[in-house]
C-alpha atoms as a PDB file:
ATOM      1  CA  MET A   1      -0.568  19.631  20.596  1.00  0.00           C
ATOM      2  CA  LYS A   2      -1.124  16.231  19.427  1.00  0.00           C
ATOM      3  CA  LYS A   3      -0.514  15.298  15.722  1.00  0.00           C
ATOM      4  CA  VAL A   4      -3.409  14.209  13.567  1.00  0.00           C
ATOM      5  CA  ALA A   5      -3.044  11.119  11.337  1.00  0.00           C
ATOM      6  CA  ILE A   6      -5.552   9.519   8.783  1.00  0.00           C
ATOM      7  CA  VAL A   7      -4.877   5.864   8.035  1.00  0.00           C
ATOM      8  CA  THR A   8      -6.674   4.394   4.975  1.00  0.00           C
ATOM      9  CA  GLY A   9      -7.720   0.644   5.068  1.00  0.00           C
ATOM     10  CA  GLY A  10      -7.274   1.242   8.909  1.00  0.00           C
ATOM     11  CA  THR A  11      -9.952  -1.366  10.147  1.00  0.00           C
ATOM     12  CA  SER A  12      -7.638  -4.475   9.153  1.00  0.00           C
ATOM     13  CA  GLY A  13      -4.149  -5.767   8.547  1.00  0.00           C
ATOM     14  CA  ILE A  14      -1.352  -3.305   7.940  1.00  0.00           C
ATOM     15  CA  GLY A  15      -3.597  -0.458   8.270  1.00  0.00           C
ATOM     16  CA  LEU A  16      -5.285  -1.374  11.665  1.00  0.00           C
ATOM     17  CA  ALA A  17      -1.812  -2.295  12.857  1.00  0.00           C
ATOM     18  CA  THR A  18      -0.503   0.935  11.755  1.00  0.00           C
ATOM     19  CA  ALA A  19      -3.335   3.091  13.381  1.00  0.00           C
ATOM     20  CA  ARG A  20      -2.901   1.076  16.552  1.00  0.00           C
ATOM     21  CA  ALA A  21       0.941   1.915  16.644  1.00  0.00           C
ATOM     22  CA  LEU A  22       0.495   5.550  15.731  1.00  0.00           C
ATOM     23  CA  THR A  23      -2.139   5.887  18.545  1.00  0.00           C
ATOM     24  CA  ALA A  24       0.027   4.507  20.991  1.00  0.00           C
ATOM     25  CA  GLY A  25       2.961   6.867  19.827  1.00  0.00           C
ATOM     26  CA  GLY A  26       0.584   9.684  20.654  1.00  0.00           C
ATOM     27  CA  TYR A  27      -1.213  10.615  17.508  1.00  0.00           C
ATOM     28  CA  ILE A  28      -4.971  11.365  17.128  1.00  0.00           C
ATOM     29  CA  VAL A  29      -5.858   8.831  14.305  1.00  0.00           C
ATOM     30  CA  TYR A  30      -8.822   8.426  11.913  1.00  0.00           C
ATOM     31  CA  THR A  31      -9.146   5.632   9.879  1.00  0.00           C
ATOM     32  CA  PHE A  32     -10.961   5.404   6.496  1.00  0.00           C
ATOM     33  CA  SER A  33     -12.595   2.087   5.488  1.00  0.00           C
ATOM     34  CA  ARG A  34     -15.783   0.845   3.867  1.00  0.00           C
ATOM     35  CA  ARG A  35     -16.848  -0.305   7.340  1.00  0.00           C
ATOM     36  CA  GLY A  36     -16.664   2.762   9.644  1.00  0.00           C
ATOM     37  CA  GLY A  37     -19.069   2.908  12.220  1.00  0.00           C
ATOM     38  CA  LYS A  38     -16.629   4.360  15.300  1.00  0.00           C
ATOM     39  CA  ALA A  39     -16.224   7.841  16.224  1.00  0.00           C
ATOM     40  CA  ARG A  40     -12.865   8.291  14.529  1.00  0.00           C
ATOM     41  CA  ASP A  41     -13.425   5.091  11.999  1.00  0.00           C
ATOM     42  CA  LEU A  42     -14.896   6.912   9.096  1.00  0.00           C
ATOM     43  CA  SER A  43     -17.022   5.111   6.414  1.00  0.00           C
ATOM     44  CA  VAL A  44     -15.174   6.232   3.438  1.00  0.00           C
ATOM     45  CA  ASP A  45     -15.066   4.665  -0.257  1.00  0.00           C
ATOM     46  CA  VAL A  46     -11.652   5.991  -1.660  1.00  0.00           C
ATOM     47  CA  THR A  47     -13.069   5.247  -5.075  1.00  0.00           C
ATOM     48  CA  ASP A  48     -15.558   8.176  -4.716  1.00  0.00           C
ATOM     49  CA  GLU A  49     -13.796  11.578  -4.877  1.00  0.00           C
ATOM     50  CA  ALA A  50     -16.467  13.677  -3.206  1.00  0.00           C
ATOM     51  CA  ALA A  51     -16.472  11.127  -0.130  1.00  0.00           C
ATOM     52  CA  VAL A  52     -12.844  11.346   0.267  1.00  0.00           C
ATOM     53  CA  ALA A  53     -12.781  15.205   0.068  1.00  0.00           C
ATOM     54  CA  SER A  54     -15.397  15.595   2.501  1.00  0.00           C
ATOM     55  CA  ALA A  55     -13.807  12.961   4.935  1.00  0.00           C
ATOM     56  CA  VAL A  56     -10.380  14.906   5.298  1.00  0.00           C
ATOM     57  CA  SER A  57     -12.413  18.059   5.516  1.00  0.00           C
ATOM     58  CA  GLN A  58     -14.405  16.548   8.401  1.00  0.00           C
ATOM     59  CA  VAL A  59     -11.017  15.529  10.097  1.00  0.00           C
ATOM     60  CA  VAL A  60      -9.554  18.934   9.826  1.00  0.00           C
ATOM     61  CA  ALA A  61     -12.669  20.488  10.900  1.00  0.00           C
ATOM     62  CA  ALA A  62     -12.718  18.432  13.978  1.00  0.00           C
ATOM     63  CA  GLU A  63      -9.033  18.653  14.987  1.00  0.00           C
ATOM     64  CA  GLY A  64      -7.898  22.000  13.293  1.00  0.00           C
ATOM     65  CA  ARG A  65      -4.872  20.205  11.800  1.00  0.00           C
ATOM     66  CA  LEU A  66      -3.462  17.499   9.475  1.00  0.00           C
ATOM     67  CA  ASP A  67       0.026  16.144   9.843  1.00  0.00           C
ATOM     68  CA  LEU A  68       0.195  12.676   8.359  1.00  0.00           C
ATOM     69  CA  VAL A  69      -1.537  10.403   5.900  1.00  0.00           C
ATOM     70  CA  VAL A  70      -0.968   6.706   5.779  1.00  0.00           C
ATOM     71  CA  ASN A  71      -2.210   4.999   2.429  1.00  0.00           C
ATOM     72  CA  CYS A  72      -2.926   1.504   3.125  1.00  0.00           C
ATOM     73  CA  ALA A  73      -6.373   0.789   1.532  1.00  0.00           C
ATOM     74  CA  GLY A  74      -5.930  -1.965  -1.238  1.00  0.00           C
ATOM     75  CA  PHE A  75      -6.832  -5.260  -2.448  1.00  0.00           C
ATOM     76  CA  GLY A  76      -5.451  -8.138  -4.604  1.00  0.00           C
ATOM     77  CA  ILE A  77      -6.350 -10.112  -7.755  1.00  0.00           C
ATOM     78  CA  SER A  78      -4.515 -13.003  -9.197  1.00  0.00           C
ATOM     79  CA  GLY A  79      -4.687 -14.659 -12.393  1.00  0.00           C
ATOM     80  CA  ALA A  80      -2.913 -14.771 -16.247  1.00  0.00           C
ATOM     81  CA  VAL A  81      -2.935 -11.498 -17.972  1.00  0.00           C
ATOM     82  CA  GLU A  82      -4.557 -13.016 -21.105  1.00  0.00           C
ATOM     83  CA  PHE A  83      -7.658 -14.127 -19.099  1.00  0.00           C
ATOM     84  CA  THR A  84      -7.914 -11.003 -16.705  1.00  0.00           C
ATOM     85  CA  GLU A  85     -10.966  -8.808 -17.743  1.00  0.00           C
ATOM     86  CA  THR A  86      -9.685  -5.174 -18.475  1.00  0.00           C
ATOM     87  CA  ALA A  87     -12.356  -4.169 -16.212  1.00  0.00           C
ATOM     88  CA  ASP A  88     -11.111  -6.002 -13.247  1.00  0.00           C
ATOM     89  CA  ALA A  89      -7.526  -4.618 -13.792  1.00  0.00           C
ATOM     90  CA  MET A  90      -9.049  -1.159 -13.923  1.00  0.00           C
ATOM     91  CA  ARG A  91     -10.862  -1.872 -10.722  1.00  0.00           C
ATOM     92  CA  LEU A  92      -7.680  -2.797  -8.888  1.00  0.00           C
ATOM     93  CA  PHE A  93      -5.869   0.524 -10.311  1.00  0.00           C
ATOM     94  CA  ASP A  94      -9.114   2.587  -8.871  1.00  0.00           C
ATOM     95  CA  VAL A  95      -8.631   1.431  -5.285  1.00  0.00           C
ATOM     96  CA  ASN A  96      -5.036   0.719  -5.193  1.00  0.00           C
ATOM     97  CA  PHE A  97      -3.561   3.528  -7.013  1.00  0.00           C
ATOM     98  CA  PHE A  98      -6.271   6.078  -7.784  1.00  0.00           C
ATOM     99  CA  GLY A  99      -7.811   5.653  -4.348  1.00  0.00           C
ATOM    100  CA  MET A 100      -4.304   7.108  -2.851  1.00  0.00           C
ATOM    101  CA  VAL A 101      -4.385   9.785  -5.394  1.00  0.00           C
ATOM    102  CA  ARG A 102      -7.741  10.948  -4.273  1.00  0.00           C
ATOM    103  CA  VAL A 103      -6.805  10.991  -0.651  1.00  0.00           C
ATOM    104  CA  ASN A 104      -3.423  12.725  -1.059  1.00  0.00           C
ATOM    105  CA  ARG A 105      -5.080  15.173  -3.348  1.00  0.00           C
ATOM    106  CA  ALA A 106      -7.626  16.377  -0.552  1.00  0.00           C
ATOM    107  CA  ALA A 107      -4.881  16.387   1.978  1.00  0.00           C
ATOM    108  CA  LEU A 108      -1.996  18.165   0.446  1.00  0.00           C
ATOM    109  CA  PRO A 109      -3.590  21.887   1.329  1.00  0.00           C
ATOM    110  CA  HIS A 110      -3.820  20.782   4.843  1.00  0.00           C
ATOM    111  CA  LEU A 111      -0.285  19.226   5.044  1.00  0.00           C
ATOM    112  CA  ARG A 112       1.167  22.371   3.740  1.00  0.00           C
ATOM    113  CA  ALA A 113       0.050  24.175   6.925  1.00  0.00           C
ATOM    114  CA  THR A 114       1.770  21.577   8.959  1.00  0.00           C
ATOM    115  CA  GLY A 115       4.878  20.467   6.900  1.00  0.00           C
ATOM    116  CA  GLY A 116       3.304  17.064   7.131  1.00  0.00           C
ATOM    117  CA  ARG A 117       4.145  13.754   5.707  1.00  0.00           C
ATOM    118  CA  ILE A 118       2.571  10.976   3.281  1.00  0.00           C
ATOM    119  CA  LEU A 119       3.360   7.492   3.577  1.00  0.00           C
ATOM    120  CA  ASN A 120       2.239   5.429   0.797  1.00  0.00           C
ATOM    121  CA  VAL A 121       1.933   1.519   1.290  1.00  0.00           C
ATOM    122  CA  SER A 122       3.601  -0.078  -1.810  1.00  0.00           C
ATOM    123  CA  SER A 123       4.895  -3.747  -2.004  1.00  0.00           C
ATOM    124  CA  VAL A 124       8.144  -5.423  -2.820  1.00  0.00           C
ATOM    125  CA  ALA A 125       6.202  -6.839  -5.834  1.00  0.00           C
ATOM    126  CA  ALA A 126       6.547  -3.225  -7.482  1.00  0.00           C
ATOM    127  CA  PRO A 127      10.515  -3.902  -8.091  1.00  0.00           C
ATOM    128  CA  VAL A 128      10.045  -7.695  -8.492  1.00  0.00           C
ATOM    129  CA  ALA A 129       7.064  -8.094 -10.677  1.00  0.00           C
ATOM    130  CA  ILE A 130       4.909 -11.397  -9.737  1.00  0.00           C
ATOM    131  CA  PRO A 131       3.857 -13.455 -12.483  1.00  0.00           C
ATOM    132  CA  PHE A 132       0.191 -14.165 -12.497  1.00  0.00           C
ATOM    133  CA  GLN A 133      -0.265 -11.092 -10.207  1.00  0.00           C
ATOM    134  CA  ALA A 134       1.017  -8.630 -12.845  1.00  0.00           C
ATOM    135  CA  TYR A 135      -1.527  -6.128 -12.443  1.00  0.00           C
ATOM    136  CA  TYR A 136      -1.256  -5.881  -8.727  1.00  0.00           C
ATOM    137  CA  SER A 137       2.591  -5.492  -9.203  1.00  0.00           C
ATOM    138  CA  CYS A 138       1.773  -2.638 -11.920  1.00  0.00           C
ATOM    139  CA  THR A 139      -0.223  -0.813  -9.081  1.00  0.00           C
ATOM    140  CA  LYS A 140       2.535  -0.874  -6.533  1.00  0.00           C
ATOM    141  CA  ALA A 141       5.096   0.260  -9.107  1.00  0.00           C
ATOM    142  CA  ALA A 142       2.922   3.045  -9.884  1.00  0.00           C
ATOM    143  CA  ILE A 143       2.880   4.047  -6.238  1.00  0.00           C
ATOM    144  CA  ASN A 144       6.578   3.967  -6.028  1.00  0.00           C
ATOM    145  CA  ASP A 145       7.209   6.424  -9.202  1.00  0.00           C
ATOM    146  CA  TYR A 146       4.085   8.645  -7.857  1.00  0.00           C
ATOM    147  CA  SER A 147       5.612   9.013  -4.370  1.00  0.00           C
ATOM    148  CA  LEU A 148       9.201   9.731  -5.744  1.00  0.00           C
ATOM    149  CA  ALA A 149       7.564  12.688  -8.211  1.00  0.00           C
ATOM    150  CA  LEU A 150       5.496  13.856  -5.405  1.00  0.00           C
ATOM    151  CA  ALA A 151       8.229  14.160  -2.901  1.00  0.00           C
ATOM    152  CA  ASN A 152       9.898  16.676  -5.243  1.00  0.00           C
ATOM    153  CA  GLU A 153       6.792  18.473  -5.843  1.00  0.00           C
ATOM    154  CA  ALA A 154       5.889  18.934  -2.265  1.00  0.00           C
ATOM    155  CA  LYS A 155       9.497  19.311  -0.756  1.00  0.00           C
ATOM    156  CA  PRO A 156       9.427  23.219  -1.000  1.00  0.00           C
ATOM    157  CA  PHE A 157       6.317  23.222   1.470  1.00  0.00           C
ATOM    158  CA  GLY A 158       8.079  20.842   4.053  1.00  0.00           C
ATOM    159  CA  ILE A 159       5.904  17.879   2.877  1.00  0.00           C
ATOM    160  CA  SER A 160       7.812  14.688   2.894  1.00  0.00           C
ATOM    161  CA  VAL A 161       6.498  11.728   0.783  1.00  0.00           C
ATOM    162  CA  THR A 162       7.663   8.107   0.849  1.00  0.00           C
ATOM    163  CA  ALA A 163       6.482   4.649  -0.275  1.00  0.00           C
ATOM    164  CA  VAL A 164       6.864   1.898   2.102  1.00  0.00           C
ATOM    165  CA  MET A 165       7.376  -1.817   0.531  1.00  0.00           C
ATOM    166  CA  PRO A 166       5.976  -4.676   2.799  1.00  0.00           C
ATOM    167  CA  GLY A 167       6.749  -8.301   1.528  1.00  0.00           C
ATOM    168  CA  ASP A 168       4.960 -11.193   2.802  1.00  0.00           C
ATOM    169  CA  ILE A 169       2.585 -10.498   5.669  1.00  0.00           C
ATOM    170  CA  ALA A 170       0.071 -12.432   7.534  1.00  0.00           C
ATOM    171  CA  THR A 171      -3.091 -10.686   7.312  1.00  0.00           C
ATOM    172  CA  GLY A 172      -6.624 -11.308   5.896  1.00  0.00           C
ATOM    173  CA  PHE A 173      -5.484  -9.867   2.514  1.00  0.00           C
ATOM    174  CA  THR A 174      -4.607 -13.480   1.402  1.00  0.00           C
ATOM    175  CA  ALA A 175      -7.982 -14.628   1.936  1.00  0.00           C
ATOM    176  CA  ALA A 176      -9.530 -11.734   0.620  1.00  0.00           C
ATOM    177  CA  ARG A 177      -7.561 -11.920  -2.861  1.00  0.00           C
ATOM    178  CA  GLU A 178      -9.814 -12.240  -5.995  1.00  0.00           C
ATOM    179  CA  LYS A 179      -8.386 -15.305  -7.622  1.00  0.00           C
ATOM    180  CA  SER A 180      -9.016 -16.435 -11.215  1.00  0.00           C
ATOM    181  CA  ALA A 181      -7.985 -19.643 -12.540  1.00  0.00           C
ATOM    182  CA  ALA A 182      -9.399 -19.082 -16.099  1.00  0.00           C
ATOM    183  CA  GLY A 183      -7.068 -20.637 -18.571  1.00  0.00           C
ATOM    184  CA  ASP A 184      -5.111 -22.673 -16.128  1.00  0.00           C
ATOM    185  CA  ASP A 185      -5.688 -25.564 -18.604  1.00  0.00           C
ATOM    186  CA  VAL A 186      -3.817 -23.616 -21.167  1.00  0.00           C
ATOM    187  CA  TYR A 187      -1.014 -22.616 -18.869  1.00  0.00           C
ATOM    188  CA  GLY A 188      -0.694 -26.198 -17.539  1.00  0.00           C
ATOM    189  CA  GLY A 189      -1.775 -25.576 -13.935  1.00  0.00           C
ATOM    190  CA  ARG A 190       0.930 -22.735 -13.503  1.00  0.00           C
ATOM    191  CA  ILE A 191      -1.764 -20.219 -12.340  1.00  0.00           C
ATOM    192  CA  GLN A 192      -2.792 -22.058  -9.360  1.00  0.00           C
ATOM    193  CA  ARG A 193       0.388 -23.394  -8.516  1.00  0.00           C
ATOM    194  CA  SER A 194       2.068 -19.886  -8.502  1.00  0.00           C
ATOM    195  CA  VAL A 195      -0.913 -18.362  -6.535  1.00  0.00           C
ATOM    196  CA  HIS A 196      -0.697 -21.258  -4.199  1.00  0.00           C
ATOM    197  CA  LYS A 197       3.085 -20.872  -3.323  1.00  0.00           C
ATOM    198  CA  MET A 198       2.562 -17.094  -2.929  1.00  0.00           C
ATOM    199  CA  GLU A 199      -0.328 -17.502  -0.362  1.00  0.00           C
ATOM    200  CA  LEU A 200       1.827 -20.168   1.596  1.00  0.00           C
ATOM    201  CA  ASP A 201       4.686 -17.367   1.713  1.00  0.00           C
ATOM    202  CA  GLU A 202       1.913 -14.745   2.907  1.00  0.00           C
ATOM    203  CA  LYS A 203       0.494 -17.136   5.559  1.00  0.00           C
ATOM    204  CA  ASN A 204       4.086 -17.570   6.929  1.00  0.00           C
ATOM    205  CA  GLY A 205       4.917 -14.124   6.830  1.00  0.00           C
ATOM    206  CA  MET A 206       5.540 -11.215   8.929  1.00  0.00           C
ATOM    207  CA  PRO A 207       2.929 -10.116  11.707  1.00  0.00           C
ATOM    208  CA  PRO A 208       1.100  -7.141  10.480  1.00  0.00           C
ATOM    209  CA  GLU A 209       2.267  -5.760  13.980  1.00  0.00           C
ATOM    210  CA  ALA A 210       5.526  -5.412  12.883  1.00  0.00           C
ATOM    211  CA  ALA A 211       4.750  -3.886   9.797  1.00  0.00           C
ATOM    212  CA  GLY A 212       2.474  -1.363  11.704  1.00  0.00           C
ATOM    213  CA  ALA A 213       5.316  -0.437  14.160  1.00  0.00           C
ATOM    214  CA  TYR A 214       7.727  -0.094  11.150  1.00  0.00           C
ATOM    215  CA  LEU A 215       5.407   2.439   9.437  1.00  0.00           C
ATOM    216  CA  ALA A 216       4.786   4.394  12.697  1.00  0.00           C
ATOM    217  CA  LYS A 217       8.765   4.645  13.286  1.00  0.00           C
ATOM    218  CA  ILE A 218       9.069   5.870   9.866  1.00  0.00           C
ATOM    219  CA  ALA A 219       6.312   8.545  10.443  1.00  0.00           C
ATOM    220  CA  GLY A 220       8.420   9.823  13.441  1.00  0.00           C
ATOM    221  CA  LYS A 221      11.497  10.282  11.545  1.00  0.00           C
ATOM    222  CA  ARG A 222      13.204  13.685  11.144  1.00  0.00           C
ATOM    223  CA  ARG A 223      14.033  12.804   7.499  1.00  0.00           C
ATOM    224  CA  VAL A 224      12.958  10.139   5.213  1.00  0.00           C
ATOM    225  CA  LYS A 225      14.197   8.061   2.032  1.00  0.00           C
ATOM    226  CA  GLY A 226      12.032   7.984  -1.015  1.00  0.00           C
ATOM    227  CA  LEU A 227      11.591   4.161  -0.607  1.00  0.00           C
ATOM    228  CA  TYR A 228      11.693   1.838   2.175  1.00  0.00           C
ATOM    229  CA  ALA A 229      11.384  -2.047   2.533  1.00  0.00           C
ATOM    230  CA  ILE A 230      10.270  -3.593   5.318  1.00  0.00           C
ATOM    231  CA  GLY A 231      12.422  -6.238   6.942  1.00  0.00           C
ATOM    232  CA  TRP A 232      15.999  -7.235   6.106  1.00  0.00           C
ATOM    233  CA  THR A 233      14.990 -10.259   3.944  1.00  0.00           C
ATOM    234  CA  TYR A 234      13.021  -7.696   1.575  1.00  0.00           C
ATOM    235  CA  LYS A 235      15.681  -5.027   1.639  1.00  0.00           C
ATOM    236  CA  PHE A 236      17.946  -7.666   0.421  1.00  0.00           C
ATOM    237  CA  PHE A 237      15.202  -8.597  -2.495  1.00  0.00           C
ATOM    238  CA  CYS A 238      15.103  -4.869  -3.283  1.00  0.00           C
ATOM    239  CA  LEU A 239      18.812  -4.743  -3.515  1.00  0.00           C
ATOM    240  CA  LEU A 240      19.144  -7.640  -5.804  1.00  0.00           C
ATOM    241  CA  ALA A 241      16.565  -6.068  -7.973  1.00  0.00           C
ATOM    242  CA  LYS A 242      18.881  -3.050  -8.245  1.00  0.00           C
ATOM    243  CA  LEU A 243      21.899  -4.961  -8.787  1.00  0.00           C
ATOM    244  CA  LEU A 244      21.124  -7.861 -10.823  1.00  0.00           C
ATOM    245  CA  PRO A 245      20.554  -7.499 -14.745  1.00  0.00           C
ATOM    246  CA  VAL A 246      16.652  -7.480 -15.593  1.00  0.00           C
ATOM    247  CA  ARG A 247      17.152 -10.686 -17.297  1.00  0.00           C
ATOM    248  CA  VAL A 248      18.736 -12.821 -14.450  1.00  0.00           C
ATOM    249  CA  LEU A 249      15.962 -11.158 -11.803  1.00  0.00           C
ATOM    250  CA  ASN A 250      13.162 -12.062 -13.973  1.00  0.00           C
ATOM    251  CA  TRP A 251      14.558 -15.485 -14.514  1.00  0.00           C
ATOM    252  CA  LEU A 252      14.684 -15.908 -10.793  1.00  0.00           C
ATOM    253  CA  VAL A 253      11.347 -15.022 -10.053  1.00  0.00           C
ATOM    254  CA  GLY A 254      10.033 -17.035 -12.926  1.00  0.00           C
ATOM    255  CA  LYS A 255      11.703 -20.050 -11.244  1.00  0.00           C
ATOM    256  CA  LEU A 256       9.915 -19.098  -7.989  1.00  0.00           C
ATOM    257  CA  TYR A 257       6.324 -18.073  -9.049  1.00  0.00           C
ATOM    258  CA  ALA A 258       5.787 -19.220 -12.801  1.00  0.00           C
ATOM    259  CA  GLN A 259       6.750 -23.205 -12.947  1.00  0.00           C
END
């Protein structure tokens, strides 16, 4: 019997690449996105708890099981903390963090029946906090801690949970970022310089297909770790984040993205 997966944010970027890699690996894949439109591409707003619960139930009713959830849905905002509206920060958390929470809450009862797996897409911006993208880093750091805690809660049921941290990926995420230059005159042009540098890194980053293949590989592992970074460069960055004193690490990040 084929395994069944749900991939949120599955019609673009890393989500789409992951859905394709899982399909190639023999999974029956359903994608959740605001677009939807096709038989297994469901139109689901992850900020709507009732819609999420209904969509998960629809998948299980159609296939009789659920084995894997990959949470890729998310977006980015940038700007100075001082000039970012609290409502915008809350909206970011509602999609990036609480959207994942809603999907996992709806999926967990079904994953208990199969001893399934949850992959939550985080970011290297979690252990390496990026200036002028503070709230994005916060949503990803929250995903990491949530994933580690849930892994221990769900382990007795045979459910594994892990957070996967991509670095720079060349996707439409970059163009879709909601950028604010409010206060850039106060900050001496540093906001726009920082975001411009980050976006150049992203445009020259790893293709989404490589990230999708990596996620599909983790989905098929017998045992998984709590956290993964995608690519040797970003594994190295995460190692530095562990080994270096916080003061030194933050100084280096500031030199890169806060000048």
